[in-house]
Amino acid sequence: MTGSRPLPRPRKMRPAVSGRAARGGVHSRQIPYISSTIFRGNHFDCVPHPPGVPDRRRKMTLEPILTVGQISGQNVVADEFRAALHQVPAAVVILTTQLAGRDQAQTVTATAICAGSTEPPSLLISLREDAPFTGALSESGVVAVNFVAQEHHEMVRSFVEAGAAEGFARSQTWTRGTTGAPLLNRSVVSMDCTIIQSQRQGANIVFTGQVQTIHTAEAEGLLYRGGLLRRLETGS
């Protein structure tokens, strides 16, 4: 066409998969390091980068977990599965119960908890069968699910490092729920539940807790990712 400009020549594209991978081999690829983004409320927020790491500049290598053709998950070992879950930003949760007049607790992340139903409101809680708290929960039949706020990060450390006695030492931090389980004051959300069902799933026991009461506060949640407690960087 007269007066038209020639179209630019297309750039030569690199193959997406190496020759070795195309033959069924295992390969790694480079991707830019980016911060994690989560949906909260009605908007997206970002979990900030570790200190000193430039945004979108550091490179990380994705080491393969499964070889080509492995789709059933039978060859995924427990350590690999746990390591994968640790890379998912998750809310920090303190589970509490009362048994024979004694308060007990276990700190977990929200990857161990999900909504079971909205009618009636219920939660699914997955715990290792051999954990002491699992036995206490089976016997007591009640649990409070406390989603921890950022201001409670030192208390979370005391639960993890020193045990429940130290974590419950600050009595002004706790109130008694309708089920008798301790509720964490100023938690993002606390749900007081009665256990209505439990079943074995592999090495875990999955409890179904029917929600009796819900308590909320205007607070920012505490997150866990990659072995570290993290704060949420809110958007505008």
C-alpha atoms as a PDB file:
ATOM      1  CA  MET A   1       0.000   0.000   0.000  1.00  0.00           C
ATOM      2  CA  THR A   2       1.399   3.393  -1.000  1.00  0.00           C
ATOM      3  CA  GLY A   3       2.572   5.478   1.927  1.00  0.00           C
ATOM      4  CA  SER A   4       2.377   2.676   4.448  1.00  0.00           C
ATOM      5  CA  ARG A   5       5.303   1.793   6.702  1.00  0.00           C
ATOM      6  CA  PRO A   6       6.655  -1.755   6.779  1.00  0.00           C
ATOM      7  CA  LEU A   7       5.767  -3.776   9.835  1.00  0.00           C
ATOM      8  CA  PRO A   8       8.670  -4.420  12.238  1.00  0.00           C
ATOM      9  CA  ARG A   9      10.226  -7.849  11.991  1.00  0.00           C
ATOM     10  CA  PRO A  10       9.134 -10.127  14.832  1.00  0.00           C
ATOM     11  CA  ARG A  11      11.730 -10.748  17.499  1.00  0.00           C
ATOM     12  CA  LYS A  12      13.217 -14.191  17.750  1.00  0.00           C
ATOM     13  CA  MET A  13      11.654 -15.929  20.754  1.00  0.00           C
ATOM     14  CA  ARG A  14      13.566 -18.296  23.005  1.00  0.00           C
ATOM     15  CA  PRO A  15      12.011 -21.715  23.492  1.00  0.00           C
ATOM     16  CA  ALA A  16       9.982 -21.947  26.699  1.00  0.00           C
ATOM     17  CA  VAL A  17      11.336 -25.393  27.526  1.00  0.00           C
ATOM     18  CA  SER A  18      14.901 -26.556  27.142  1.00  0.00           C
ATOM     19  CA  GLY A  19      15.749 -29.501  24.937  1.00  0.00           C
ATOM     20  CA  ARG A  20      16.480 -31.647  27.967  1.00  0.00           C
ATOM     21  CA  ALA A  21      13.089 -30.839  29.508  1.00  0.00           C
ATOM     22  CA  ALA A  22      11.322 -31.558  26.211  1.00  0.00           C
ATOM     23  CA  ARG A  23      12.817 -35.032  26.339  1.00  0.00           C
ATOM     24  CA  GLY A  24      11.293 -35.597  29.783  1.00  0.00           C
ATOM     25  CA  GLY A  25      14.156 -34.274  31.896  1.00  0.00           C
ATOM     26  CA  VAL A  26      13.973 -31.990  34.931  1.00  0.00           C
ATOM     27  CA  HIS A  27      14.879 -28.327  34.652  1.00  0.00           C
ATOM     28  CA  SER A  28      14.847 -25.108  36.641  1.00  0.00           C
ATOM     29  CA  ARG A  29      13.899 -21.653  35.450  1.00  0.00           C
ATOM     30  CA  GLN A  30      14.588 -18.126  36.657  1.00  0.00           C
ATOM     31  CA  ILE A  31      11.779 -15.803  37.720  1.00  0.00           C
ATOM     32  CA  PRO A  32      11.937 -12.326  39.310  1.00  0.00           C
ATOM     33  CA  TYR A  33      11.451 -12.143  43.068  1.00  0.00           C
ATOM     34  CA  ILE A  34       8.141 -10.395  43.796  1.00  0.00           C
ATOM     35  CA  SER A  35       6.285  -9.689  46.980  1.00  0.00           C
ATOM     36  CA  SER A  36       3.268 -11.773  47.940  1.00  0.00           C
ATOM     37  CA  THR A  37      -0.163 -10.257  47.334  1.00  0.00           C
ATOM     38  CA  ILE A  38      -3.200 -11.364  49.311  1.00  0.00           C
ATOM     39  CA  PHE A  39      -6.881 -10.431  49.135  1.00  0.00           C
ATOM     40  CA  ARG A  40      -8.286  -9.042  52.381  1.00  0.00           C
ATOM     41  CA  GLY A  41     -11.638  -7.393  52.938  1.00  0.00           C
ATOM     42  CA  ASN A  42     -12.435  -5.951  49.510  1.00  0.00           C
ATOM     43  CA  HIS A  43      -8.958  -5.054  48.262  1.00  0.00           C
ATOM     44  CA  PHE A  44      -5.495  -6.472  47.688  1.00  0.00           C
ATOM     45  CA  ASP A  45      -2.606  -5.918  50.110  1.00  0.00           C
ATOM     46  CA  CYS A  46       1.062  -6.772  49.789  1.00  0.00           C
ATOM     47  CA  VAL A  47       3.336  -8.658  52.142  1.00  0.00           C
ATOM     48  CA  PRO A  48       6.575  -6.618  52.008  1.00  0.00           C
ATOM     49  CA  HIS A  49       9.885  -8.046  50.857  1.00  0.00           C
ATOM     50  CA  PRO A  50      12.517  -9.151  53.356  1.00  0.00           C
ATOM     51  CA  PRO A  51      14.658  -6.154  54.419  1.00  0.00           C
ATOM     52  CA  GLY A  52      17.338  -5.203  51.901  1.00  0.00           C
ATOM     53  CA  VAL A  53      15.895  -7.167  48.986  1.00  0.00           C
ATOM     54  CA  PRO A  54      15.180  -4.875  45.998  1.00  0.00           C
ATOM     55  CA  ASP A  55      11.692  -5.310  44.593  1.00  0.00           C
ATOM     56  CA  ARG A  56      11.637  -7.297  41.313  1.00  0.00           C
ATOM     57  CA  ARG A  57      15.433  -7.515  41.101  1.00  0.00           C
ATOM     58  CA  ARG A  58      16.554 -10.506  43.068  1.00  0.00           C
ATOM     59  CA  LYS A  59      16.429 -13.777  41.122  1.00  0.00           C
ATOM     60  CA  MET A  60      15.285 -17.036  42.611  1.00  0.00           C
ATOM     61  CA  THR A  61      15.501 -20.534  41.186  1.00  0.00           C
ATOM     62  CA  LEU A  62      12.517 -22.833  41.170  1.00  0.00           C
ATOM     63  CA  GLU A  63      13.858 -26.258  42.012  1.00  0.00           C
ATOM     64  CA  PRO A  64      11.627 -29.008  40.634  1.00  0.00           C
ATOM     65  CA  ILE A  65       9.680 -31.143  43.069  1.00  0.00           C
ATOM     66  CA  LEU A  66       7.985 -33.462  40.583  1.00  0.00           C
ATOM     67  CA  THR A  67       9.463 -34.930  37.413  1.00  0.00           C
ATOM     68  CA  VAL A  68       7.524 -34.879  34.177  1.00  0.00           C
ATOM     69  CA  GLY A  69       4.625 -37.301  34.275  1.00  0.00           C
ATOM     70  CA  GLN A  70       4.167 -37.454  38.057  1.00  0.00           C
ATOM     71  CA  ILE A  71       0.641 -36.182  38.611  1.00  0.00           C
ATOM     72  CA  SER A  72      -0.786 -38.289  41.427  1.00  0.00           C
ATOM     73  CA  GLY A  73       1.224 -36.808  44.295  1.00  0.00           C
ATOM     74  CA  GLN A  74       2.290 -40.256  45.468  1.00  0.00           C
ATOM     75  CA  ASN A  75       5.951 -39.270  45.127  1.00  0.00           C
ATOM     76  CA  VAL A  76       5.655 -36.018  47.087  1.00  0.00           C
ATOM     77  CA  VAL A  77       7.158 -36.501  50.533  1.00  0.00           C
ATOM     78  CA  ALA A  78       5.891 -34.808  53.694  1.00  0.00           C
ATOM     79  CA  ASP A  79       8.889 -32.460  54.026  1.00  0.00           C
ATOM     80  CA  GLU A  80       8.385 -31.150  50.487  1.00  0.00           C
ATOM     81  CA  PHE A  81       4.690 -30.628  51.125  1.00  0.00           C
ATOM     82  CA  ARG A  82       5.339 -28.720  54.365  1.00  0.00           C
ATOM     83  CA  ALA A  83       8.052 -26.631  52.691  1.00  0.00           C
ATOM     84  CA  ALA A  84       5.629 -25.698  49.917  1.00  0.00           C
ATOM     85  CA  LEU A  85       2.936 -24.644  52.406  1.00  0.00           C
ATOM     86  CA  HIS A  86       5.483 -22.549  54.330  1.00  0.00           C
ATOM     87  CA  GLN A  87       5.877 -20.358  51.229  1.00  0.00           C
ATOM     88  CA  VAL A  88       2.184 -19.422  51.315  1.00  0.00           C
ATOM     89  CA  PRO A  89       1.519 -16.298  53.440  1.00  0.00           C
ATOM     90  CA  ALA A  90      -0.930 -17.419  56.107  1.00  0.00           C
ATOM     91  CA  ALA A  91      -2.629 -15.878  59.111  1.00  0.00           C
ATOM     92  CA  VAL A  92      -1.255 -16.860  62.511  1.00  0.00           C
ATOM     93  CA  VAL A  93      -3.846 -18.594  64.677  1.00  0.00           C
ATOM     94  CA  ILE A  94      -3.835 -19.566  68.353  1.00  0.00           C
ATOM     95  CA  LEU A  95      -6.198 -22.433  69.110  1.00  0.00           C
ATOM     96  CA  THR A  96      -7.331 -22.612  72.732  1.00  0.00           C
ATOM     97  CA  THR A  97      -9.431 -24.954  74.813  1.00  0.00           C
ATOM     98  CA  GLN A  98     -10.141 -25.684  78.464  1.00  0.00           C
ATOM     99  CA  LEU A  99      -9.901 -29.163  79.934  1.00  0.00           C
ATOM    100  CA  ALA A 100     -10.416 -29.995  83.614  1.00  0.00           C
ATOM    101  CA  GLY A 101     -10.014 -26.339  84.596  1.00  0.00           C
ATOM    102  CA  ARG A 102      -6.733 -25.966  82.718  1.00  0.00           C
ATOM    103  CA  ASP A 103      -6.278 -23.723  79.669  1.00  0.00           C
ATOM    104  CA  GLN A 104      -4.379 -25.242  76.758  1.00  0.00           C
ATOM    105  CA  ALA A 105      -3.293 -23.821  73.432  1.00  0.00           C
ATOM    106  CA  GLN A 106      -1.555 -24.560  70.161  1.00  0.00           C
ATOM    107  CA  THR A 107      -0.200 -22.067  67.635  1.00  0.00           C
ATOM    108  CA  VAL A 108      -0.870 -22.902  63.987  1.00  0.00           C
ATOM    109  CA  THR A 109      -1.189 -21.093  60.661  1.00  0.00           C
ATOM    110  CA  ALA A 110      -4.395 -20.663  58.705  1.00  0.00           C
ATOM    111  CA  THR A 111      -3.282 -23.324  56.218  1.00  0.00           C
ATOM    112  CA  ALA A 112      -4.512 -25.787  58.875  1.00  0.00           C
ATOM    113  CA  ILE A 113      -7.982 -24.175  59.000  1.00  0.00           C
ATOM    114  CA  CYS A 114     -10.696 -23.597  56.422  1.00  0.00           C
ATOM    115  CA  ALA A 115     -14.407 -22.851  56.300  1.00  0.00           C
ATOM    116  CA  GLY A 116     -16.500 -25.980  56.499  1.00  0.00           C
ATOM    117  CA  SER A 117     -19.931 -24.474  55.873  1.00  0.00           C
ATOM    118  CA  THR A 118     -21.816 -21.210  56.161  1.00  0.00           C
ATOM    119  CA  GLU A 119     -25.107 -22.873  57.161  1.00  0.00           C
ATOM    120  CA  PRO A 120     -24.519 -23.713  59.917  1.00  0.00           C
ATOM    121  CA  PRO A 121     -21.277 -21.699  60.266  1.00  0.00           C
ATOM    122  CA  SER A 122     -18.431 -24.121  60.868  1.00  0.00           C
ATOM    123  CA  LEU A 123     -14.661 -24.485  60.553  1.00  0.00           C
ATOM    124  CA  LEU A 124     -12.464 -27.444  59.642  1.00  0.00           C
ATOM    125  CA  ILE A 125      -9.319 -27.719  61.789  1.00  0.00           C
ATOM    126  CA  SER A 126      -6.569 -30.170  60.816  1.00  0.00           C
ATOM    127  CA  LEU A 127      -4.106 -31.175  63.567  1.00  0.00           C
ATOM    128  CA  ARG A 128      -1.506 -33.901  63.908  1.00  0.00           C
ATOM    129  CA  GLU A 129      -2.945 -36.879  65.729  1.00  0.00           C
ATOM    130  CA  ASP A 130       0.100 -37.201  68.000  1.00  0.00           C
ATOM    131  CA  ALA A 131       0.062 -33.533  69.148  1.00  0.00           C
ATOM    132  CA  PRO A 132      -0.843 -33.065  72.856  1.00  0.00           C
ATOM    133  CA  PHE A 133      -3.383 -30.364  71.981  1.00  0.00           C
ATOM    134  CA  THR A 134      -5.217 -32.776  69.675  1.00  0.00           C
ATOM    135  CA  GLY A 135      -5.914 -35.111  72.572  1.00  0.00           C
ATOM    136  CA  ALA A 136      -7.061 -32.227  74.759  1.00  0.00           C
ATOM    137  CA  LEU A 137      -9.382 -30.962  72.028  1.00  0.00           C
ATOM    138  CA  SER A 138     -10.856 -34.425  71.490  1.00  0.00           C
ATOM    139  CA  GLU A 139     -11.673 -34.659  75.185  1.00  0.00           C
ATOM    140  CA  SER A 140     -12.895 -31.101  75.821  1.00  0.00           C
ATOM    141  CA  GLY A 141     -15.069 -30.764  72.718  1.00  0.00           C
ATOM    142  CA  VAL A 142     -14.648 -26.971  72.564  1.00  0.00           C
ATOM    143  CA  VAL A 143     -12.150 -24.676  70.839  1.00  0.00           C
ATOM    144  CA  ALA A 144     -11.582 -20.970  70.268  1.00  0.00           C
ATOM    145  CA  VAL A 145      -9.955 -20.058  66.952  1.00  0.00           C
ATOM    146  CA  ASN A 146      -8.086 -16.774  67.497  1.00  0.00           C
ATOM    147  CA  PHE A 147      -6.659 -14.993  64.435  1.00  0.00           C
ATOM    148  CA  VAL A 148      -3.763 -13.063  65.925  1.00  0.00           C
ATOM    149  CA  ALA A 149      -3.160  -9.319  65.477  1.00  0.00           C
ATOM    150  CA  GLN A 150       0.251  -7.745  64.896  1.00  0.00           C
ATOM    151  CA  GLU A 151       0.353  -6.416  68.446  1.00  0.00           C
ATOM    152  CA  HIS A 152       0.402 -10.004  69.746  1.00  0.00           C
ATOM    153  CA  HIS A 153       3.639 -11.069  68.017  1.00  0.00           C
ATOM    154  CA  GLU A 154       5.616 -11.290  71.270  1.00  0.00           C
ATOM    155  CA  MET A 155       2.905 -13.398  72.855  1.00  0.00           C
ATOM    156  CA  VAL A 156       2.995 -15.746  69.859  1.00  0.00           C
ATOM    157  CA  ARG A 157       6.713 -16.212  70.429  1.00  0.00           C
ATOM    158  CA  SER A 158       6.109 -17.008  74.083  1.00  0.00           C
ATOM    159  CA  PHE A 159       3.571 -19.677  73.144  1.00  0.00           C
ATOM    160  CA  VAL A 160       5.970 -21.251  70.665  1.00  0.00           C
ATOM    161  CA  GLU A 161       9.139 -20.995  72.740  1.00  0.00           C
ATOM    162  CA  ALA A 162       7.956 -21.218  76.365  1.00  0.00           C
ATOM    163  CA  GLY A 163       4.648 -23.068  76.124  1.00  0.00           C
ATOM    164  CA  ALA A 164       1.044 -22.352  77.022  1.00  0.00           C
ATOM    165  CA  ALA A 165       1.682 -21.431  80.665  1.00  0.00           C
ATOM    166  CA  GLU A 166       3.805 -18.447  79.637  1.00  0.00           C
ATOM    167  CA  GLY A 167       1.383 -17.457  76.882  1.00  0.00           C
ATOM    168  CA  PHE A 168      -1.578 -17.401  79.262  1.00  0.00           C
ATOM    169  CA  ALA A 169       0.379 -15.516  81.951  1.00  0.00           C
ATOM    170  CA  ARG A 170      -1.055 -12.166  80.868  1.00  0.00           C
ATOM    171  CA  SER A 171      -4.583 -12.638  82.181  1.00  0.00           C
ATOM    172  CA  GLN A 172      -5.757  -9.256  80.893  1.00  0.00           C
ATOM    173  CA  THR A 173      -5.156 -10.516  77.350  1.00  0.00           C
ATOM    174  CA  TRP A 174      -7.795 -13.237  77.618  1.00  0.00           C
ATOM    175  CA  THR A 175     -11.519 -13.516  78.326  1.00  0.00           C
ATOM    176  CA  ARG A 176     -13.649 -16.619  78.753  1.00  0.00           C
ATOM    177  CA  GLY A 177     -15.890 -17.578  75.829  1.00  0.00           C
ATOM    178  CA  THR A 178     -19.358 -19.084  76.064  1.00  0.00           C
ATOM    179  CA  THR A 179     -17.876 -22.562  75.610  1.00  0.00           C
ATOM    180  CA  GLY A 180     -15.273 -21.930  78.313  1.00  0.00           C
ATOM    181  CA  ALA A 181     -12.383 -21.685  75.852  1.00  0.00           C
ATOM    182  CA  PRO A 182     -10.095 -18.613  76.220  1.00  0.00           C
ATOM    183  CA  LEU A 183     -10.698 -15.816  73.698  1.00  0.00           C
ATOM    184  CA  LEU A 184      -7.833 -13.503  72.755  1.00  0.00           C
ATOM    185  CA  ASN A 185      -8.689  -9.837  73.350  1.00  0.00           C
ATOM    186  CA  ARG A 186      -8.193  -7.565  70.329  1.00  0.00           C
ATOM    187  CA  SER A 187      -7.645 -10.450  67.951  1.00  0.00           C
ATOM    188  CA  VAL A 188      -8.595  -9.775  64.340  1.00  0.00           C
ATOM    189  CA  VAL A 189     -11.270 -12.456  64.670  1.00  0.00           C
ATOM    190  CA  SER A 190     -12.017 -14.990  67.408  1.00  0.00           C
ATOM    191  CA  MET A 191     -14.532 -17.781  66.842  1.00  0.00           C
ATOM    192  CA  ASP A 192     -15.822 -19.808  69.770  1.00  0.00           C
ATOM    193  CA  CYS A 193     -16.731 -23.312  68.594  1.00  0.00           C
ATOM    194  CA  THR A 194     -18.072 -26.633  69.759  1.00  0.00           C
ATOM    195  CA  ILE A 195     -16.672 -29.770  68.126  1.00  0.00           C
ATOM    196  CA  ILE A 196     -19.441 -31.668  66.348  1.00  0.00           C
ATOM    197  CA  GLN A 197     -17.354 -34.155  64.374  1.00  0.00           C
ATOM    198  CA  SER A 198     -13.822 -35.503  63.978  1.00  0.00           C
ATOM    199  CA  GLN A 199     -12.251 -37.929  61.547  1.00  0.00           C
ATOM    200  CA  ARG A 200      -8.788 -39.298  60.815  1.00  0.00           C
ATOM    201  CA  GLN A 201      -7.088 -38.079  57.630  1.00  0.00           C
ATOM    202  CA  GLY A 202      -3.677 -39.683  57.227  1.00  0.00           C
ATOM    203  CA  ALA A 203      -1.494 -38.587  60.149  1.00  0.00           C
ATOM    204  CA  ASN A 204      -3.975 -35.863  61.120  1.00  0.00           C
ATOM    205  CA  ILE A 205      -7.340 -35.532  62.821  1.00  0.00           C
ATOM    206  CA  VAL A 206      -9.764 -33.141  61.110  1.00  0.00           C
ATOM    207  CA  PHE A 207     -12.190 -31.501  63.551  1.00  0.00           C
ATOM    208  CA  THR A 208     -15.423 -29.794  62.543  1.00  0.00           C
ATOM    209  CA  GLY A 209     -16.156 -26.885  64.866  1.00  0.00           C
ATOM    210  CA  GLN A 210     -19.604 -25.279  64.816  1.00  0.00           C
ATOM    211  CA  VAL A 211     -19.255 -21.558  65.488  1.00  0.00           C
ATOM    212  CA  GLN A 212     -21.193 -20.330  68.536  1.00  0.00           C
ATOM    213  CA  THR A 213     -19.989 -16.726  68.779  1.00  0.00           C
ATOM    214  CA  ILE A 214     -17.747 -14.408  66.747  1.00  0.00           C
ATOM    215  CA  HIS A 215     -15.673 -11.525  68.137  1.00  0.00           C
ATOM    216  CA  THR A 216     -13.858  -9.000  65.920  1.00  0.00           C
ATOM    217  CA  ALA A 217     -11.588  -5.985  66.399  1.00  0.00           C
ATOM    218  CA  GLU A 218     -10.135  -3.259  64.193  1.00  0.00           C
ATOM    219  CA  ALA A 219      -6.621  -4.692  64.045  1.00  0.00           C
ATOM    220  CA  GLU A 220      -4.066  -5.743  61.441  1.00  0.00           C
ATOM    221  CA  GLY A 221      -3.381  -9.452  61.166  1.00  0.00           C
ATOM    222  CA  LEU A 222      -0.058 -11.159  61.810  1.00  0.00           C
ATOM    223  CA  LEU A 223       1.224 -13.388  59.004  1.00  0.00           C
ATOM    224  CA  TYR A 224       3.656 -16.280  58.749  1.00  0.00           C
ATOM    225  CA  ARG A 225       5.741 -17.143  55.701  1.00  0.00           C
ATOM    226  CA  GLY A 226       9.033 -18.939  55.199  1.00  0.00           C
ATOM    227  CA  GLY A 227       9.693 -19.437  58.906  1.00  0.00           C
ATOM    228  CA  LEU A 228       9.214 -15.758  59.815  1.00  0.00           C
ATOM    229  CA  LEU A 229       6.428 -13.691  61.375  1.00  0.00           C
ATOM    230  CA  ARG A 230       5.493 -10.864  59.015  1.00  0.00           C
ATOM    231  CA  ARG A 231       3.407  -7.708  59.074  1.00  0.00           C
ATOM    232  CA  LEU A 232       0.844  -6.782  56.456  1.00  0.00           C
ATOM    233  CA  GLU A 233       1.606  -3.737  54.319  1.00  0.00           C
ATOM    234  CA  THR A 234      -1.787  -2.226  53.583  1.00  0.00           C
ATOM    235  CA  GLY A 235      -2.619  -0.464  50.356  1.00  0.00           C
ATOM    236  CA  SER A 236      -4.145   2.954  50.085  1.00  0.00           C
END
